[in-house]
């Protein structure tokens, strides 16, 4: 499902216009982005938790040349699915 299909389906379910729903989705993403940039976690009850984690620096070896390089630390966004959704997916979508 792409963004346009998602917004259309959400608008249909909420009985809003597509334009209002698109604004709502963009505002949600902007708010989440601001929260991530502050280093905070976003937890959506019954869905999962988005968390910014720091990946430590490490040494990498170029397989072609054998040269060792230092990879600097970086921030990554991780997602942990809620246990209820995990169980649903394990059962093939059946509860």
C-alpha atoms as a PDB file:
ATOM      1  CA  UNK A   1       0.000   0.000   0.000  1.00  0.00           C
ATOM      2  CA  UNK A   2       1.522   3.309  -1.020  1.00  0.00           C
ATOM      3  CA  UNK A   3       0.963   6.707   0.603  1.00  0.00           C
ATOM      4  CA  UNK A   4      -1.904   7.720  -1.692  1.00  0.00           C
ATOM      5  CA  UNK A   5      -3.772   4.462  -1.103  1.00  0.00           C
ATOM      6  CA  UNK A   6      -3.186   4.701   2.652  1.00  0.00           C
ATOM      7  CA  UNK A   7      -4.503   8.265   2.844  1.00  0.00           C
ATOM      8  CA  UNK A   8      -7.543   7.389   0.719  1.00  0.00           C
ATOM      9  CA  UNK A   9      -8.411   4.404   2.903  1.00  0.00           C
ATOM     10  CA  UNK A  10      -7.909   6.405   6.108  1.00  0.00           C
ATOM     11  CA  UNK A  11     -10.077   9.231   4.760  1.00  0.00           C
ATOM     12  CA  UNK A  12     -12.811   6.759   3.855  1.00  0.00           C
ATOM     13  CA  UNK A  13     -12.765   5.144   7.290  1.00  0.00           C
ATOM     14  CA  UNK A  14     -12.742   8.462   9.161  1.00  0.00           C
ATOM     15  CA  UNK A  15     -15.197  10.121   6.781  1.00  0.00           C
ATOM     16  CA  UNK A  16     -12.844  13.071   6.220  1.00  0.00           C
ATOM     17  CA  UNK A  17     -11.733  14.605   2.969  1.00  0.00           C
ATOM     18  CA  UNK A  18      -8.555  13.268   1.406  1.00  0.00           C
ATOM     19  CA  UNK A  19      -6.885  16.677   1.753  1.00  0.00           C
ATOM     20  CA  UNK A  20      -7.671  16.908   5.489  1.00  0.00           C
ATOM     21  CA  UNK A  21      -6.466  13.361   6.030  1.00  0.00           C
ATOM     22  CA  UNK A  22      -3.236  14.061   4.107  1.00  0.00           C
ATOM     23  CA  UNK A  23      -2.586  17.101   6.336  1.00  0.00           C
ATOM     24  CA  UNK A  24      -3.231  14.972   9.409  1.00  0.00           C
ATOM     25  CA  UNK A  25      -0.776  12.291   8.261  1.00  0.00           C
ATOM     26  CA  UNK A  26       1.904  14.893   7.452  1.00  0.00           C
ATOM     27  CA  UNK A  27       1.401  16.566  10.856  1.00  0.00           C
ATOM     28  CA  UNK A  28       1.699  13.198  12.591  1.00  0.00           C
ATOM     29  CA  UNK A  29       4.953  12.434  10.776  1.00  0.00           C
ATOM     30  CA  UNK A  30       6.315  15.926  11.515  1.00  0.00           C
ATOM     31  CA  UNK A  31       5.503  15.559  15.221  1.00  0.00           C
ATOM     32  CA  UNK A  32       7.141  12.133  15.339  1.00  0.00           C
ATOM     33  CA  UNK A  33      10.215  13.473  13.516  1.00  0.00           C
ATOM     34  CA  UNK A  34      10.576  16.303  16.038  1.00  0.00           C
ATOM     35  CA  UNK A  35      10.294  13.805  18.891  1.00  0.00           C
ATOM     36  CA  UNK A  36      12.951  11.542  17.350  1.00  0.00           C
ATOM     37  CA  UNK A  37      15.323  14.471  16.821  1.00  0.00           C
ATOM     38  CA  UNK A  38      15.035  15.222  20.547  1.00  0.00           C
ATOM     39  CA  UNK A  39      16.057  11.613  21.217  1.00  0.00           C
ATOM     40  CA  UNK A  40      12.687  10.609  22.670  1.00  0.00           C
ATOM     41  CA  UNK A  41      10.587   7.493  22.131  1.00  0.00           C
ATOM     42  CA  UNK A  42       7.134   7.320  20.516  1.00  0.00           C
ATOM     43  CA  UNK A  43       4.905   4.527  21.823  1.00  0.00           C
ATOM     44  CA  UNK A  44       1.597   3.780  20.096  1.00  0.00           C
ATOM     45  CA  UNK A  45      -0.479   1.646  22.429  1.00  0.00           C
ATOM     46  CA  UNK A  46      -1.498  -1.630  20.837  1.00  0.00           C
ATOM     47  CA  UNK A  47       0.856  -1.112  17.861  1.00  0.00           C
ATOM     48  CA  UNK A  48       4.460  -0.710  18.968  1.00  0.00           C
ATOM     49  CA  UNK A  49       7.295   1.573  20.015  1.00  0.00           C
ATOM     50  CA  UNK A  50       9.601   3.688  17.856  1.00  0.00           C
ATOM     51  CA  UNK A  51      12.935   4.423  19.502  1.00  0.00           C
ATOM     52  CA  UNK A  52      16.119   6.237  18.506  1.00  0.00           C
ATOM     53  CA  UNK A  53      19.184   4.146  19.339  1.00  0.00           C
ATOM     54  CA  UNK A  54      22.866   4.944  19.086  1.00  0.00           C
ATOM     55  CA  UNK A  55      24.938   2.482  17.101  1.00  0.00           C
ATOM     56  CA  UNK A  56      28.471   2.471  18.494  1.00  0.00           C
ATOM     57  CA  UNK A  57      31.536   2.996  16.355  1.00  0.00           C
ATOM     58  CA  UNK A  58      33.079  -0.153  14.962  1.00  0.00           C
ATOM     59  CA  UNK A  59      35.885  -1.383  12.783  1.00  0.00           C
ATOM     60  CA  UNK A  60      34.921  -2.589   9.325  1.00  0.00           C
ATOM     61  CA  UNK A  61      37.069  -4.511   6.851  1.00  0.00           C
ATOM     62  CA  UNK A  62      36.720  -3.821   3.128  1.00  0.00           C
ATOM     63  CA  UNK A  63      36.373  -7.318   1.638  1.00  0.00           C
ATOM     64  CA  UNK A  64      38.036  -6.320  -1.643  1.00  0.00           C
ATOM     65  CA  UNK A  65      41.138  -4.585  -0.315  1.00  0.00           C
ATOM     66  CA  UNK A  66      41.296  -5.982   3.216  1.00  0.00           C
ATOM     67  CA  UNK A  67      41.707  -2.411   4.487  1.00  0.00           C
ATOM     68  CA  UNK A  68      40.356  -1.756   7.975  1.00  0.00           C
ATOM     69  CA  UNK A  69      38.231   1.355   8.474  1.00  0.00           C
ATOM     70  CA  UNK A  70      36.628   2.955  11.501  1.00  0.00           C
ATOM     71  CA  UNK A  71      32.873   3.470  11.052  1.00  0.00           C
ATOM     72  CA  UNK A  72      31.715   6.427  13.175  1.00  0.00           C
ATOM     73  CA  UNK A  73      28.793   6.129  15.607  1.00  0.00           C
ATOM     74  CA  UNK A  74      25.339   6.954  14.269  1.00  0.00           C
ATOM     75  CA  UNK A  75      21.730   7.175  15.356  1.00  0.00           C
ATOM     76  CA  UNK A  76      19.216   4.682  13.994  1.00  0.00           C
ATOM     77  CA  UNK A  77      15.447   4.423  14.326  1.00  0.00           C
ATOM     78  CA  UNK A  78      14.187   1.093  15.603  1.00  0.00           C
ATOM     79  CA  UNK A  79      10.677  -0.297  15.957  1.00  0.00           C
ATOM     80  CA  UNK A  80       9.493  -2.888  18.437  1.00  0.00           C
ATOM     81  CA  UNK A  81       6.091  -4.352  17.655  1.00  0.00           C
ATOM     82  CA  UNK A  82       3.577  -4.802  20.478  1.00  0.00           C
ATOM     83  CA  UNK A  83       3.089  -8.341  21.801  1.00  0.00           C
ATOM     84  CA  UNK A  84      -0.539  -8.449  20.628  1.00  0.00           C
ATOM     85  CA  UNK A  85       0.458  -7.645  17.027  1.00  0.00           C
ATOM     86  CA  UNK A  86       3.347 -10.091  17.210  1.00  0.00           C
ATOM     87  CA  UNK A  87       0.922 -12.863  18.183  1.00  0.00           C
ATOM     88  CA  UNK A  88      -1.460 -11.904  15.362  1.00  0.00           C
ATOM     89  CA  UNK A  89       1.342 -12.078  12.794  1.00  0.00           C
ATOM     90  CA  UNK A  90       2.614 -15.418  14.138  1.00  0.00           C
ATOM     91  CA  UNK A  91      -0.859 -16.850  13.649  1.00  0.00           C
ATOM     92  CA  UNK A  92      -1.054 -15.655  10.047  1.00  0.00           C
ATOM     93  CA  UNK A  93      -3.355 -12.717  10.833  1.00  0.00           C
ATOM     94  CA  UNK A  94      -5.877 -14.852  12.726  1.00  0.00           C
ATOM     95  CA  UNK A  95      -6.484 -14.115  16.363  1.00  0.00           C
END
